[in-house]
Amino acid sequence: MLLMAGLALASALHLHQPQMARHRYVTGGWLLTVSHDRFTDALACSLKTRAMYYRNQTLIFRVKRGLETTHAYYRVDDGPTTPVSSVFHEVEGHGFFPRRGWIDDPAGGDVALPVSYVRDADRVWIRASIKMAPTLFKVSRLEDALDRAHDEGCTEASFRSAS
């Protein structure tokens, strides 16, 4: 009888265990969240700072919600100032659409650059319009954060939108 009660209790506790295990790591100012679905064994990863997030080989800079950014310019470190329109084709291939953001999260006010453009950089300047001062984004520890994500088992397919 006692054995039956113990088995019933163990079974009930097992059914009520959280289905998601979530771990958070901070690396160089980047917050990596790794969620493990215990039922499907799938990982969902998110890598972000207050003003940037990573998804599909793309770094998204949150300039200002709702702001038109299709005519923005960017500068990586001390390099030349370049229109963001020069990377539209590449970021569209990654799923980011300049006029409406990600197809599943069209927030607006974002500028997307391929990670390959900023991977080894220290800073990125973005000026959304001629009426605005450029905004500084510090990206110097992005590579460390991406390495940590890889070490934690994150793959490109496991990254999702940061909210």
Protein backbone atom coordinates (compact mmCIF):
# COMPACT_ATOMS: atom_id res chain seq x y z
CA MET A 1 0.00 0.00 0.00
CA LEU A 2 2.79 2.38 0.94
CA LEU A 3 4.62 1.46 -2.26
CA MET A 4 1.52 2.26 -4.35
CA ALA A 5 1.14 5.65 -2.67
CA GLY A 6 4.81 6.41 -3.31
CA LEU A 7 4.51 5.48 -6.98
CA ALA A 8 1.36 7.58 -7.36
CA LEU A 9 3.08 10.58 -5.75
CA ALA A 10 6.17 10.17 -7.95
CA SER A 11 3.98 9.93 -11.04
CA ALA A 12 2.03 13.05 -10.08
CA LEU A 13 5.21 15.01 -9.42
CA HIS A 14 6.68 13.91 -12.74
CA LEU A 15 3.60 15.10 -14.64
CA HIS A 16 3.79 18.51 -12.98
CA GLN A 17 7.48 19.18 -13.62
CA PRO A 18 8.10 22.29 -15.67
CA GLN A 19 8.25 21.36 -19.34
CA MET A 20 10.76 24.12 -20.09
CA ALA A 21 14.14 24.52 -18.44
CA ARG A 22 15.44 28.05 -18.95
CA HIS A 23 19.01 29.18 -18.37
CA ARG A 24 20.33 32.72 -18.71
CA TYR A 25 23.93 33.74 -19.21
CA VAL A 26 25.48 37.19 -19.51
CA THR A 27 28.57 37.52 -21.67
CA GLY A 28 30.03 40.94 -22.34
CA GLY A 29 26.69 42.70 -21.90
CA TRP A 30 24.80 40.20 -24.08
CA LEU A 31 22.00 38.17 -22.49
CA LEU A 32 21.82 34.62 -23.78
CA THR A 33 18.66 32.73 -22.88
CA VAL A 34 18.59 29.02 -23.60
CA SER A 35 15.25 27.26 -23.17
CA HIS A 36 15.12 23.47 -23.30
CA ASP A 37 11.77 21.84 -23.98
CA ARG A 38 11.93 18.63 -21.97
CA PHE A 39 9.11 17.05 -23.95
CA THR A 40 10.52 17.55 -27.47
CA ASP A 41 14.17 17.99 -26.44
CA ALA A 42 14.27 21.14 -28.61
CA LEU A 43 16.32 24.24 -27.77
CA ALA A 44 15.14 27.81 -28.25
CA CYS A 45 17.82 30.47 -27.93
CA SER A 46 17.73 34.24 -27.69
CA LEU A 47 20.73 36.59 -27.76
CA LYS A 48 20.18 40.27 -27.07
CA THR A 49 21.13 43.48 -25.35
CA ARG A 50 18.86 46.39 -24.51
CA ALA A 51 19.23 47.79 -28.02
CA MET A 52 20.23 44.84 -30.24
CA TYR A 53 19.35 41.24 -30.91
CA TYR A 54 20.61 38.38 -33.02
CA ARG A 55 18.68 36.17 -35.40
CA ASN A 56 19.47 34.25 -38.61
CA GLN A 57 23.04 35.52 -39.10
CA THR A 58 21.67 39.06 -38.70
CA LEU A 59 22.19 41.67 -36.01
CA ILE A 60 19.17 43.90 -35.51
CA PHE A 61 19.66 47.35 -34.03
CA ARG A 62 16.62 48.87 -32.33
CA VAL A 63 16.87 52.51 -33.30
CA LYS A 64 13.38 53.74 -32.38
CA ARG A 65 10.09 51.84 -32.52
CA GLY A 66 7.95 52.87 -35.47
CA LEU A 67 10.69 54.97 -37.08
CA GLU A 68 11.22 54.68 -40.84
CA THR A 69 14.78 53.35 -41.21
CA THR A 70 14.99 52.31 -44.86
CA HIS A 71 17.11 55.38 -45.64
CA ALA A 72 19.41 55.02 -42.64
CA TYR A 73 23.20 54.97 -42.82
CA TYR A 74 25.64 52.93 -40.79
CA ARG A 75 29.35 53.03 -40.00
CA VAL A 76 31.33 50.11 -38.56
CA ASP A 77 34.19 51.35 -36.37
CA ASP A 78 36.10 53.97 -38.40
CA GLY A 79 34.99 52.62 -41.78
CA PRO A 80 33.02 54.45 -44.44
CA THR A 81 29.44 55.58 -43.92
CA THR A 82 27.22 53.26 -45.93
CA PRO A 83 23.49 53.25 -46.68
CA VAL A 84 21.67 50.32 -45.05
CA SER A 85 19.95 49.80 -48.39
CA SER A 86 23.22 48.28 -49.61
CA VAL A 87 22.54 45.19 -47.46
CA PHE A 88 18.78 44.87 -48.09
CA HIS A 89 19.16 41.91 -50.44
CA GLU A 90 21.31 39.98 -47.95
CA VAL A 91 19.14 40.62 -44.88
CA GLU A 92 15.99 39.83 -46.86
CA GLY A 93 17.59 36.47 -47.57
CA HIS A 94 17.86 36.00 -43.81
CA GLY A 95 14.15 36.82 -43.32
CA PHE A 96 14.34 40.50 -42.36
CA PHE A 97 12.37 42.94 -44.51
CA PRO A 98 13.48 46.58 -44.25
CA ARG A 99 10.01 48.15 -44.35
CA ARG A 100 8.35 45.76 -41.90
CA GLY A 101 10.96 43.81 -39.95
CA TRP A 102 10.67 40.06 -39.56
CA ILE A 103 7.72 38.60 -41.36
CA ASP A 104 6.41 37.33 -37.99
CA ASP A 105 7.26 40.47 -35.94
CA PRO A 106 6.95 43.70 -37.96
CA ALA A 107 7.87 46.19 -35.20
CA GLY A 108 9.57 48.82 -37.38
CA GLY A 109 12.32 51.18 -36.25
CA ASP A 110 15.00 48.54 -36.67
CA VAL A 111 18.13 48.38 -38.80
CA ALA A 112 19.48 44.95 -39.72
CA LEU A 113 23.04 44.18 -40.74
CA PRO A 114 24.55 40.82 -41.58
CA VAL A 115 26.63 39.57 -38.66
CA SER A 116 29.58 39.11 -41.01
CA TYR A 117 29.74 42.92 -41.34
CA VAL A 118 30.09 43.53 -37.59
CA ARG A 119 31.54 40.30 -36.18
CA ASP A 120 35.01 41.74 -35.40
CA ALA A 121 33.90 45.33 -34.78
CA ASP A 122 33.88 47.34 -31.57
CA ARG A 123 31.09 49.75 -32.43
CA VAL A 124 28.46 50.52 -35.02
CA TRP A 125 27.02 53.98 -35.61
CA ILE A 126 23.55 54.30 -37.15
CA ARG A 127 21.84 57.47 -38.30
CA ALA A 128 18.22 56.77 -39.14
CA SER A 129 17.59 60.09 -40.86
CA ILE A 130 19.31 63.36 -41.60
CA LYS A 131 17.26 64.94 -38.78
CA MET A 132 18.68 62.57 -36.15
CA ALA A 133 22.08 62.32 -34.53
CA PRO A 134 23.86 58.99 -35.06
CA THR A 135 23.29 56.35 -32.38
CA LEU A 136 26.24 54.33 -31.04
CA PHE A 137 25.90 50.56 -30.55
CA LYS A 138 28.72 48.67 -28.83
CA VAL A 139 29.18 45.27 -30.46
CA SER A 140 32.68 44.40 -29.26
CA ARG A 141 31.69 41.26 -27.33
CA LEU A 142 29.27 39.83 -29.90
CA GLU A 143 31.73 37.13 -30.97
CA ASP A 144 32.17 36.01 -27.33
CA ALA A 145 28.40 35.82 -26.90
CA LEU A 146 27.97 33.83 -30.11
CA ASP A 147 30.71 31.44 -28.97
CA ARG A 148 28.91 31.00 -25.63
CA ALA A 149 25.65 30.29 -27.45
CA HIS A 150 27.39 27.64 -29.55
CA ASP A 151 28.92 26.12 -26.39
CA GLU A 152 25.43 25.90 -24.87
CA GLY A 153 24.15 23.96 -27.89
CA CYS A 154 22.44 26.79 -29.79
CA THR A 155 22.34 26.42 -33.56
CA GLU A 156 21.07 28.89 -36.14
CA ALA A 157 17.77 27.02 -36.21
CA SER A 158 17.33 27.40 -32.44
CA PHE A 159 17.48 31.21 -32.43
CA ARG A 160 14.18 32.99 -32.30
CA SER A 161 13.05 36.56 -32.13
CA ALA A 162 13.98 38.48 -29.01
CA SER A 163 11.04 40.20 -27.41
